């Protein structure tokens, strides 16, 4: 974890010059001379701070009424599977560590779903439902994307260190997200690079669950959102988002 870390917990020190309360602050690495660091073994203890971790890079898949095949009303969203991705990371976390092996924490970060559309279409802005226009232009890139502020709640278990000083990590929990923006990015010979911003009927709030498994700093993740991807667009009811891939940083 990078940045500042604040921790609080029970202290048994008799040195009241530094430890006369239940709250301690650590900035930087473990080289701190603050004596509260020596009481890290007392549990439970809390933590709060800035982080750059749980970097997810994977493939995004649309699930239409439980099937990976899009129904006829959603065929305009046909996409290039290997170029349709999910990217996300956390920048803030706070929680309680109950033992060297288990902790519960909430975090906040950013999450993008990047759909590489197969057809030469344009999703139209400010329409009563999700609407598209068939174009005569050949797009070299036609990407339909959403960005969310993600807020996961993680139940995290880690094994003791092995002989290499490395642990296995197992994390799962619910996740919510608040829509930040929708975007269309198109590249063509006729118009060059164009970007169009709009909510595009993406759900204002998304919710689902996730799981991560890893060894050391590297692992895999999967997450599924139980809500419909789009709101106020009846033809897209039952269309959901599933992602899986690699994760870096636990």
C-alpha atoms as a PDB file:
ATOM      1  CA  UNK A   1       0.000   0.000   0.000  1.00  0.00           C
ATOM      2  CA  UNK A   2       1.266   3.455  -0.909  1.00  0.00           C
ATOM      3  CA  UNK A   3       0.618   6.744   0.836  1.00  0.00           C
ATOM      4  CA  UNK A   4      -0.474   7.361   4.403  1.00  0.00           C
ATOM      5  CA  UNK A   5      -1.853   4.763   6.772  1.00  0.00           C
ATOM      6  CA  UNK A   6      -3.689   5.531   9.979  1.00  0.00           C
ATOM      7  CA  UNK A   7      -4.224   2.754  12.512  1.00  0.00           C
ATOM      8  CA  UNK A   8      -5.984   2.516  15.803  1.00  0.00           C
ATOM      9  CA  UNK A   9      -6.240  -0.208  18.410  1.00  0.00           C
ATOM     10  CA  UNK A  10      -5.491  -1.232  21.971  1.00  0.00           C
ATOM     11  CA  UNK A  11      -2.070  -0.419  23.358  1.00  0.00           C
ATOM     12  CA  UNK A  12      -0.488  -1.842  26.500  1.00  0.00           C
ATOM     13  CA  UNK A  13       2.455   0.511  26.587  1.00  0.00           C
ATOM     14  CA  UNK A  14       3.322   2.290  29.831  1.00  0.00           C
ATOM     15  CA  UNK A  15       5.057   5.038  27.837  1.00  0.00           C
ATOM     16  CA  UNK A  16       2.439   7.778  28.044  1.00  0.00           C
ATOM     17  CA  UNK A  17       4.633  10.189  26.085  1.00  0.00           C
ATOM     18  CA  UNK A  18       3.625   8.456  22.819  1.00  0.00           C
ATOM     19  CA  UNK A  19       0.859   6.031  23.632  1.00  0.00           C
ATOM     20  CA  UNK A  20      -1.667   7.673  25.889  1.00  0.00           C
ATOM     21  CA  UNK A  21      -4.576   6.987  23.550  1.00  0.00           C
ATOM     22  CA  UNK A  22      -6.025   4.348  21.300  1.00  0.00           C
ATOM     23  CA  UNK A  23      -5.242   6.029  17.982  1.00  0.00           C
ATOM     24  CA  UNK A  24      -1.935   6.007  16.168  1.00  0.00           C
ATOM     25  CA  UNK A  25      -0.708   7.337  12.847  1.00  0.00           C
ATOM     26  CA  UNK A  26       1.918   5.815  10.560  1.00  0.00           C
ATOM     27  CA  UNK A  27       3.046   7.617   7.432  1.00  0.00           C
ATOM     28  CA  UNK A  28       5.242   5.789   4.964  1.00  0.00           C
ATOM     29  CA  UNK A  29       6.798   2.371   5.417  1.00  0.00           C
ATOM     30  CA  UNK A  30       7.663   0.196   8.374  1.00  0.00           C
ATOM     31  CA  UNK A  31      10.859   2.147   9.019  1.00  0.00           C
ATOM     32  CA  UNK A  32       8.947   4.563  11.236  1.00  0.00           C
ATOM     33  CA  UNK A  33      10.460   5.237  14.652  1.00  0.00           C
ATOM     34  CA  UNK A  34       7.039   5.765  16.207  1.00  0.00           C
ATOM     35  CA  UNK A  35       6.893   3.226  19.034  1.00  0.00           C
ATOM     36  CA  UNK A  36       3.228   2.477  18.374  1.00  0.00           C
ATOM     37  CA  UNK A  37       4.403   0.330  15.486  1.00  0.00           C
ATOM     38  CA  UNK A  38       5.685  -2.229  17.991  1.00  0.00           C
ATOM     39  CA  UNK A  39       2.155  -2.936  19.165  1.00  0.00           C
ATOM     40  CA  UNK A  40       0.958  -4.121  15.790  1.00  0.00           C
ATOM     41  CA  UNK A  41       0.364  -7.590  17.249  1.00  0.00           C
ATOM     42  CA  UNK A  42      -2.597  -6.525  19.396  1.00  0.00           C
ATOM     43  CA  UNK A  43      -6.020  -7.292  17.866  1.00  0.00           C
ATOM     44  CA  UNK A  44      -8.492  -6.168  16.861  1.00  0.00           C
ATOM     45  CA  UNK A  45      -7.045  -3.001  15.390  1.00  0.00           C
ATOM     46  CA  UNK A  46      -8.346  -0.609  12.782  1.00  0.00           C
ATOM     47  CA  UNK A  47      -6.773   1.045   9.802  1.00  0.00           C
ATOM     48  CA  UNK A  48      -7.679   3.804   7.376  1.00  0.00           C
ATOM     49  CA  UNK A  49      -5.709   5.373   4.579  1.00  0.00           C
ATOM     50  CA  UNK A  50      -4.844   5.983   0.967  1.00  0.00           C
ATOM     51  CA  UNK A  51      -3.901   2.993  -1.145  1.00  0.00           C
ATOM     52  CA  UNK A  52      -3.186   1.963  -4.709  1.00  0.00           C
ATOM     53  CA  UNK A  53      -4.063  -1.706  -4.845  1.00  0.00           C
ATOM     54  CA  UNK A  54      -6.350  -4.420  -6.194  1.00  0.00           C
ATOM     55  CA  UNK A  55      -5.655  -3.437  -9.791  1.00  0.00           C
ATOM     56  CA  UNK A  56      -8.037  -5.516 -11.914  1.00  0.00           C
ATOM     57  CA  UNK A  57      -7.454  -6.141 -15.608  1.00  0.00           C
ATOM     58  CA  UNK A  58      -9.764  -8.609 -17.280  1.00  0.00           C
ATOM     59  CA  UNK A  59     -12.414  -9.402 -19.836  1.00  0.00           C
ATOM     60  CA  UNK A  60     -15.992  -8.147 -19.579  1.00  0.00           C
ATOM     61  CA  UNK A  61     -18.869 -10.315 -20.793  1.00  0.00           C
ATOM     62  CA  UNK A  62     -22.508  -9.383 -21.269  1.00  0.00           C
ATOM     63  CA  UNK A  63     -24.952 -11.918 -19.845  1.00  0.00           C
ATOM     64  CA  UNK A  64     -28.394 -11.755 -21.452  1.00  0.00           C
ATOM     65  CA  UNK A  65     -31.048 -13.525 -19.351  1.00  0.00           C
ATOM     66  CA  UNK A  66     -28.426 -15.999 -18.108  1.00  0.00           C
ATOM     67  CA  UNK A  67     -26.892 -16.623 -21.544  1.00  0.00           C
ATOM     68  CA  UNK A  68     -23.662 -15.379 -23.130  1.00  0.00           C
ATOM     69  CA  UNK A  69     -25.586 -15.070 -26.426  1.00  0.00           C
ATOM     70  CA  UNK A  70     -27.308 -11.734 -26.942  1.00  0.00           C
ATOM     71  CA  UNK A  71     -31.006 -11.812 -27.705  1.00  0.00           C
ATOM     72  CA  UNK A  72     -32.315 -10.236 -30.897  1.00  0.00           C
ATOM     73  CA  UNK A  73     -33.204  -6.895 -29.290  1.00  0.00           C
ATOM     74  CA  UNK A  74     -29.617  -6.581 -28.030  1.00  0.00           C
ATOM     75  CA  UNK A  75     -27.744  -7.695 -31.156  1.00  0.00           C
ATOM     76  CA  UNK A  76     -26.712  -4.096 -31.845  1.00  0.00           C
ATOM     77  CA  UNK A  77     -24.473  -4.460 -28.759  1.00  0.00           C
ATOM     78  CA  UNK A  78     -22.508  -7.323 -30.355  1.00  0.00           C
ATOM     79  CA  UNK A  79     -18.912  -6.884 -29.290  1.00  0.00           C
ATOM     80  CA  UNK A  80     -15.384  -8.148 -29.841  1.00  0.00           C
ATOM     81  CA  UNK A  81     -14.849 -10.413 -26.836  1.00  0.00           C
ATOM     82  CA  UNK A  82     -11.067 -10.198 -26.632  1.00  0.00           C
ATOM     83  CA  UNK A  83     -11.148  -6.402 -26.850  1.00  0.00           C
ATOM     84  CA  UNK A  84     -13.965  -5.886 -24.342  1.00  0.00           C
ATOM     85  CA  UNK A  85     -12.385  -5.321 -20.965  1.00  0.00           C
ATOM     86  CA  UNK A  86     -12.847  -4.401 -17.339  1.00  0.00           C
ATOM     87  CA  UNK A  87     -10.294  -2.240 -15.513  1.00  0.00           C
ATOM     88  CA  UNK A  88     -10.403  -1.058 -11.923  1.00  0.00           C
ATOM     89  CA  UNK A  89      -8.399  -0.243  -8.817  1.00  0.00           C
ATOM     90  CA  UNK A  90      -8.861   1.002  -5.237  1.00  0.00           C
ATOM     91  CA  UNK A  91      -7.529   4.289  -3.868  1.00  0.00           C
ATOM     92  CA  UNK A  92      -8.923   4.314  -0.305  1.00  0.00           C
ATOM     93  CA  UNK A  93      -9.581   1.702   2.363  1.00  0.00           C
ATOM     94  CA  UNK A  94     -10.636   1.421   5.983  1.00  0.00           C
ATOM     95  CA  UNK A  95     -11.419  -1.534   8.166  1.00  0.00           C
ATOM     96  CA  UNK A  96     -10.556  -3.793  11.098  1.00  0.00           C
ATOM     97  CA  UNK A  97      -7.900  -6.451  11.286  1.00  0.00           C
ATOM     98  CA  UNK A  98      -9.060  -9.165  13.694  1.00  0.00           C
ATOM     99  CA  UNK A  99      -5.967 -11.376  13.513  1.00  0.00           C
ATOM    100  CA  UNK A 100      -2.857 -11.836  11.370  1.00  0.00           C
ATOM    101  CA  UNK A 101      -5.029 -13.900   9.008  1.00  0.00           C
ATOM    102  CA  UNK A 102      -8.402 -12.149   8.797  1.00  0.00           C
ATOM    103  CA  UNK A 103      -9.601  -8.618   8.189  1.00  0.00           C
ATOM    104  CA  UNK A 104     -12.775  -6.855   7.141  1.00  0.00           C
ATOM    105  CA  UNK A 105     -12.556  -3.616   5.206  1.00  0.00           C
ATOM    106  CA  UNK A 106     -14.415  -1.254   2.915  1.00  0.00           C
ATOM    107  CA  UNK A 107     -12.656   0.486   0.082  1.00  0.00           C
ATOM    108  CA  UNK A 108     -13.335   2.910  -2.733  1.00  0.00           C
ATOM    109  CA  UNK A 109     -11.934   3.127  -6.223  1.00  0.00           C
ATOM    110  CA  UNK A 110     -12.727   3.352  -9.900  1.00  0.00           C
ATOM    111  CA  UNK A 111     -14.055   0.780 -12.338  1.00  0.00           C
ATOM    112  CA  UNK A 112     -14.399   0.875 -16.137  1.00  0.00           C
ATOM    113  CA  UNK A 113     -16.237  -1.478 -18.494  1.00  0.00           C
ATOM    114  CA  UNK A 114     -15.001  -0.973 -22.057  1.00  0.00           C
ATOM    115  CA  UNK A 115     -17.199  -2.594 -24.728  1.00  0.00           C
ATOM    116  CA  UNK A 116     -15.626  -2.789 -28.201  1.00  0.00           C
ATOM    117  CA  UNK A 117     -18.650  -2.751 -30.475  1.00  0.00           C
ATOM    118  CA  UNK A 118     -18.545  -4.962 -33.541  1.00  0.00           C
ATOM    119  CA  UNK A 119     -20.939  -2.998 -35.780  1.00  0.00           C
ATOM    120  CA  UNK A 120     -20.629   0.481 -37.263  1.00  0.00           C
ATOM    121  CA  UNK A 121     -23.252   2.119 -35.102  1.00  0.00           C
ATOM    122  CA  UNK A 122     -23.544   5.129 -32.844  1.00  0.00           C
ATOM    123  CA  UNK A 123     -25.389   4.998 -29.535  1.00  0.00           C
ATOM    124  CA  UNK A 124     -27.459   8.166 -29.444  1.00  0.00           C
ATOM    125  CA  UNK A 125     -27.423  10.622 -26.581  1.00  0.00           C
ATOM    126  CA  UNK A 126     -30.421  11.923 -24.616  1.00  0.00           C
ATOM    127  CA  UNK A 127     -32.954   9.430 -25.918  1.00  0.00           C
ATOM    128  CA  UNK A 128     -35.921   8.078 -23.910  1.00  0.00           C
ATOM    129  CA  UNK A 129     -34.465   4.531 -24.213  1.00  0.00           C
ATOM    130  CA  UNK A 130     -31.122   3.087 -25.316  1.00  0.00           C
ATOM    131  CA  UNK A 131     -31.159   3.906 -29.038  1.00  0.00           C
ATOM    132  CA  UNK A 132     -28.620   3.532 -31.839  1.00  0.00           C
ATOM    133  CA  UNK A 133     -28.044   4.714 -35.405  1.00  0.00           C
ATOM    134  CA  UNK A 134     -26.608   2.531 -38.154  1.00  0.00           C
ATOM    135  CA  UNK A 135     -23.705   4.368 -39.807  1.00  0.00           C
ATOM    136  CA  UNK A 136     -22.175   4.039 -43.265  1.00  0.00           C
ATOM    137  CA  UNK A 137     -18.761   4.898 -41.828  1.00  0.00           C
ATOM    138  CA  UNK A 138     -16.223   2.157 -41.180  1.00  0.00           C
ATOM    139  CA  UNK A 139     -14.906   2.602 -37.645  1.00  0.00           C
ATOM    140  CA  UNK A 140     -11.469   1.257 -36.797  1.00  0.00           C
ATOM    141  CA  UNK A 141     -12.503   1.615 -33.149  1.00  0.00           C
ATOM    142  CA  UNK A 142     -16.014   1.886 -31.750  1.00  0.00           C
ATOM    143  CA  UNK A 143     -15.968   1.679 -27.965  1.00  0.00           C
ATOM    144  CA  UNK A 144     -18.944   2.008 -25.641  1.00  0.00           C
ATOM    145  CA  UNK A 145     -17.871   2.404 -22.023  1.00  0.00           C
ATOM    146  CA  UNK A 146     -19.003   3.231 -18.511  1.00  0.00           C
ATOM    147  CA  UNK A 147     -17.079   4.438 -15.479  1.00  0.00           C
ATOM    148  CA  UNK A 148     -18.158   3.897 -11.883  1.00  0.00           C
ATOM    149  CA  UNK A 149     -17.006   4.806  -8.398  1.00  0.00           C
ATOM    150  CA  UNK A 150     -16.794   1.309  -6.898  1.00  0.00           C
ATOM    151  CA  UNK A 151     -17.306   0.609  -3.181  1.00  0.00           C
ATOM    152  CA  UNK A 152     -16.566  -3.015  -2.248  1.00  0.00           C
ATOM    153  CA  UNK A 153     -16.823  -4.587   1.209  1.00  0.00           C
ATOM    154  CA  UNK A 154     -14.110  -7.229   1.543  1.00  0.00           C
ATOM    155  CA  UNK A 155     -13.889 -10.255   3.812  1.00  0.00           C
ATOM    156  CA  UNK A 156     -10.213 -11.127   3.502  1.00  0.00           C
ATOM    157  CA  UNK A 157      -8.375 -14.225   4.686  1.00  0.00           C
ATOM    158  CA  UNK A 158      -4.673 -14.826   4.239  1.00  0.00           C
ATOM    159  CA  UNK A 159      -2.559 -17.813   5.194  1.00  0.00           C
ATOM    160  CA  UNK A 160       0.559 -17.651   7.282  1.00  0.00           C
ATOM    161  CA  UNK A 161       3.759 -16.962   5.390  1.00  0.00           C
ATOM    162  CA  UNK A 162       5.315 -19.989   3.728  1.00  0.00           C
ATOM    163  CA  UNK A 163       9.021 -20.710   3.573  1.00  0.00           C
ATOM    164  CA  UNK A 164       9.339 -18.118   0.803  1.00  0.00           C
ATOM    165  CA  UNK A 165       7.763 -15.429   2.981  1.00  0.00           C
ATOM    166  CA  UNK A 166       4.648 -15.332   0.765  1.00  0.00           C
ATOM    167  CA  UNK A 167       0.958 -15.804   1.572  1.00  0.00           C
ATOM    168  CA  UNK A 168      -2.157 -17.044  -0.191  1.00  0.00           C
ATOM    169  CA  UNK A 169      -5.022 -14.530  -0.237  1.00  0.00           C
ATOM    170  CA  UNK A 170      -8.761 -15.255  -0.406  1.00  0.00           C
ATOM    171  CA  UNK A 171     -11.137 -12.283  -0.631  1.00  0.00           C
ATOM    172  CA  UNK A 172     -14.871 -12.070  -1.346  1.00  0.00           C
ATOM    173  CA  UNK A 173     -17.773  -9.759  -0.651  1.00  0.00           C
ATOM    174  CA  UNK A 174     -20.465  -7.472  -2.055  1.00  0.00           C
ATOM    175  CA  UNK A 175     -19.715  -4.484  -4.240  1.00  0.00           C
ATOM    176  CA  UNK A 176     -21.692  -1.386  -5.168  1.00  0.00           C
ATOM    177  CA  UNK A 177     -20.959   1.295  -7.711  1.00  0.00           C
ATOM    178  CA  UNK A 178     -22.124   4.812  -8.568  1.00  0.00           C
ATOM    179  CA  UNK A 179     -22.150   5.881 -12.203  1.00  0.00           C
ATOM    180  CA  UNK A 180     -19.675   8.610 -13.073  1.00  0.00           C
ATOM    181  CA  UNK A 181     -20.041   8.783 -16.850  1.00  0.00           C
ATOM    182  CA  UNK A 182     -20.799   6.920 -20.039  1.00  0.00           C
ATOM    183  CA  UNK A 183     -18.750   7.449 -23.180  1.00  0.00           C
ATOM    184  CA  UNK A 184     -18.570   6.595 -26.868  1.00  0.00           C
ATOM    185  CA  UNK A 185     -15.119   6.682 -28.499  1.00  0.00           C
ATOM    186  CA  UNK A 186     -14.941   6.307 -32.260  1.00  0.00           C
ATOM    187  CA  UNK A 187     -12.037   6.419 -34.702  1.00  0.00           C
ATOM    188  CA  UNK A 188     -12.591   6.693 -38.446  1.00  0.00           C
ATOM    189  CA  UNK A 189     -10.830   8.047 -41.531  1.00  0.00           C
ATOM    190  CA  UNK A 190     -13.645  10.507 -42.099  1.00  0.00           C
ATOM    191  CA  UNK A 191     -13.732  12.147 -38.664  1.00  0.00           C
ATOM    192  CA  UNK A 192     -10.584  10.977 -36.902  1.00  0.00           C
ATOM    193  CA  UNK A 193     -10.968  10.460 -33.144  1.00  0.00           C
ATOM    194  CA  UNK A 194     -14.264  11.453 -31.534  1.00  0.00           C
ATOM    195  CA  UNK A 195     -15.561  11.165 -27.972  1.00  0.00           C
ATOM    196  CA  UNK A 196     -19.160  11.624 -26.828  1.00  0.00           C
ATOM    197  CA  UNK A 197     -20.111  11.744 -23.128  1.00  0.00           C
ATOM    198  CA  UNK A 198     -23.549  10.874 -21.772  1.00  0.00           C
ATOM    199  CA  UNK A 199     -25.095   8.549 -19.158  1.00  0.00           C
ATOM    200  CA  UNK A 200     -26.473   6.428 -22.052  1.00  0.00           C
ATOM    201  CA  UNK A 201     -29.000   4.797 -19.698  1.00  0.00           C
ATOM    202  CA  UNK A 202     -26.273   2.971 -17.744  1.00  0.00           C
ATOM    203  CA  UNK A 203     -27.613   2.085 -14.296  1.00  0.00           C
ATOM    204  CA  UNK A 204     -27.060   4.919 -11.840  1.00  0.00           C
ATOM    205  CA  UNK A 205     -26.236   2.380  -9.121  1.00  0.00           C
ATOM    206  CA  UNK A 206     -24.865  -1.113  -9.663  1.00  0.00           C
ATOM    207  CA  UNK A 207     -24.540  -3.922  -7.143  1.00  0.00           C
ATOM    208  CA  UNK A 208     -23.149  -7.427  -7.136  1.00  0.00           C
ATOM    209  CA  UNK A 209     -20.433  -9.621  -5.703  1.00  0.00           C
ATOM    210  CA  UNK A 210     -16.769 -10.392  -6.309  1.00  0.00           C
ATOM    211  CA  UNK A 211     -14.064 -12.880  -5.386  1.00  0.00           C
ATOM    212  CA  UNK A 212     -10.262 -12.731  -5.543  1.00  0.00           C
ATOM    213  CA  UNK A 213      -7.687 -15.464  -5.054  1.00  0.00           C
ATOM    214  CA  UNK A 214      -3.969 -14.863  -5.211  1.00  0.00           C
ATOM    215  CA  UNK A 215      -0.478 -15.771  -4.132  1.00  0.00           C
ATOM    216  CA  UNK A 216       1.778 -12.919  -3.116  1.00  0.00           C
ATOM    217  CA  UNK A 217       0.835  -9.819  -5.084  1.00  0.00           C
ATOM    218  CA  UNK A 218      -0.685 -11.624  -8.075  1.00  0.00           C
ATOM    219  CA  UNK A 219      -4.025 -13.348  -8.480  1.00  0.00           C
ATOM    220  CA  UNK A 220      -7.275 -13.697 -10.356  1.00  0.00           C
ATOM    221  CA  UNK A 221     -10.681 -12.097  -9.854  1.00  0.00           C
ATOM    222  CA  UNK A 222     -14.287 -12.522 -10.918  1.00  0.00           C
ATOM    223  CA  UNK A 223     -17.289 -10.284 -10.333  1.00  0.00           C
ATOM    224  CA  UNK A 224     -20.921 -10.321 -11.324  1.00  0.00           C
ATOM    225  CA  UNK A 225     -23.389  -7.466 -11.115  1.00  0.00           C
ATOM    226  CA  UNK A 226     -26.926  -8.553 -10.268  1.00  0.00           C
ATOM    227  CA  UNK A 227     -28.603  -5.380 -11.533  1.00  0.00           C
ATOM    228  CA  UNK A 228     -29.437  -4.684 -15.172  1.00  0.00           C
ATOM    229  CA  UNK A 229     -26.681  -2.798 -16.998  1.00  0.00           C
ATOM    230  CA  UNK A 230     -29.175  -0.251 -18.328  1.00  0.00           C
ATOM    231  CA  UNK A 231     -32.098   1.530 -16.714  1.00  0.00           C
ATOM    232  CA  UNK A 232     -35.258   3.060 -18.163  1.00  0.00           C
ATOM    233  CA  UNK A 233     -34.790   0.954 -21.286  1.00  0.00           C
ATOM    234  CA  UNK A 234     -37.207  -2.026 -21.168  1.00  0.00           C
ATOM    235  CA  UNK A 235     -35.690  -3.857 -24.153  1.00  0.00           C
ATOM    236  CA  UNK A 236     -32.433  -4.250 -22.204  1.00  0.00           C
ATOM    237  CA  UNK A 237     -33.962  -5.732 -19.052  1.00  0.00           C
ATOM    238  CA  UNK A 238     -32.099  -8.872 -18.030  1.00  0.00           C
ATOM    239  CA  UNK A 239     -28.788  -7.743 -19.567  1.00  0.00           C
ATOM    240  CA  UNK A 240     -26.056  -7.983 -16.945  1.00  0.00           C
ATOM    241  CA  UNK A 241     -22.289  -7.629 -16.621  1.00  0.00           C
ATOM    242  CA  UNK A 242     -19.794 -10.377 -15.701  1.00  0.00           C
ATOM    243  CA  UNK A 243     -16.020  -9.839 -15.566  1.00  0.00           C
ATOM    244  CA  UNK A 244     -12.990 -11.989 -14.825  1.00  0.00           C
ATOM    245  CA  UNK A 245      -9.246 -11.649 -15.167  1.00  0.00           C
ATOM    246  CA  UNK A 246      -6.041 -10.862 -13.324  1.00  0.00           C
ATOM    247  CA  UNK A 247      -5.534  -8.756 -10.241  1.00  0.00           C
ATOM    248  CA  UNK A 248      -2.404  -7.145  -8.820  1.00  0.00           C
ATOM    249  CA  UNK A 249      -1.912  -6.110  -5.210  1.00  0.00           C
ATOM    250  CA  UNK A 250      -3.671  -7.440  -2.117  1.00  0.00           C
END
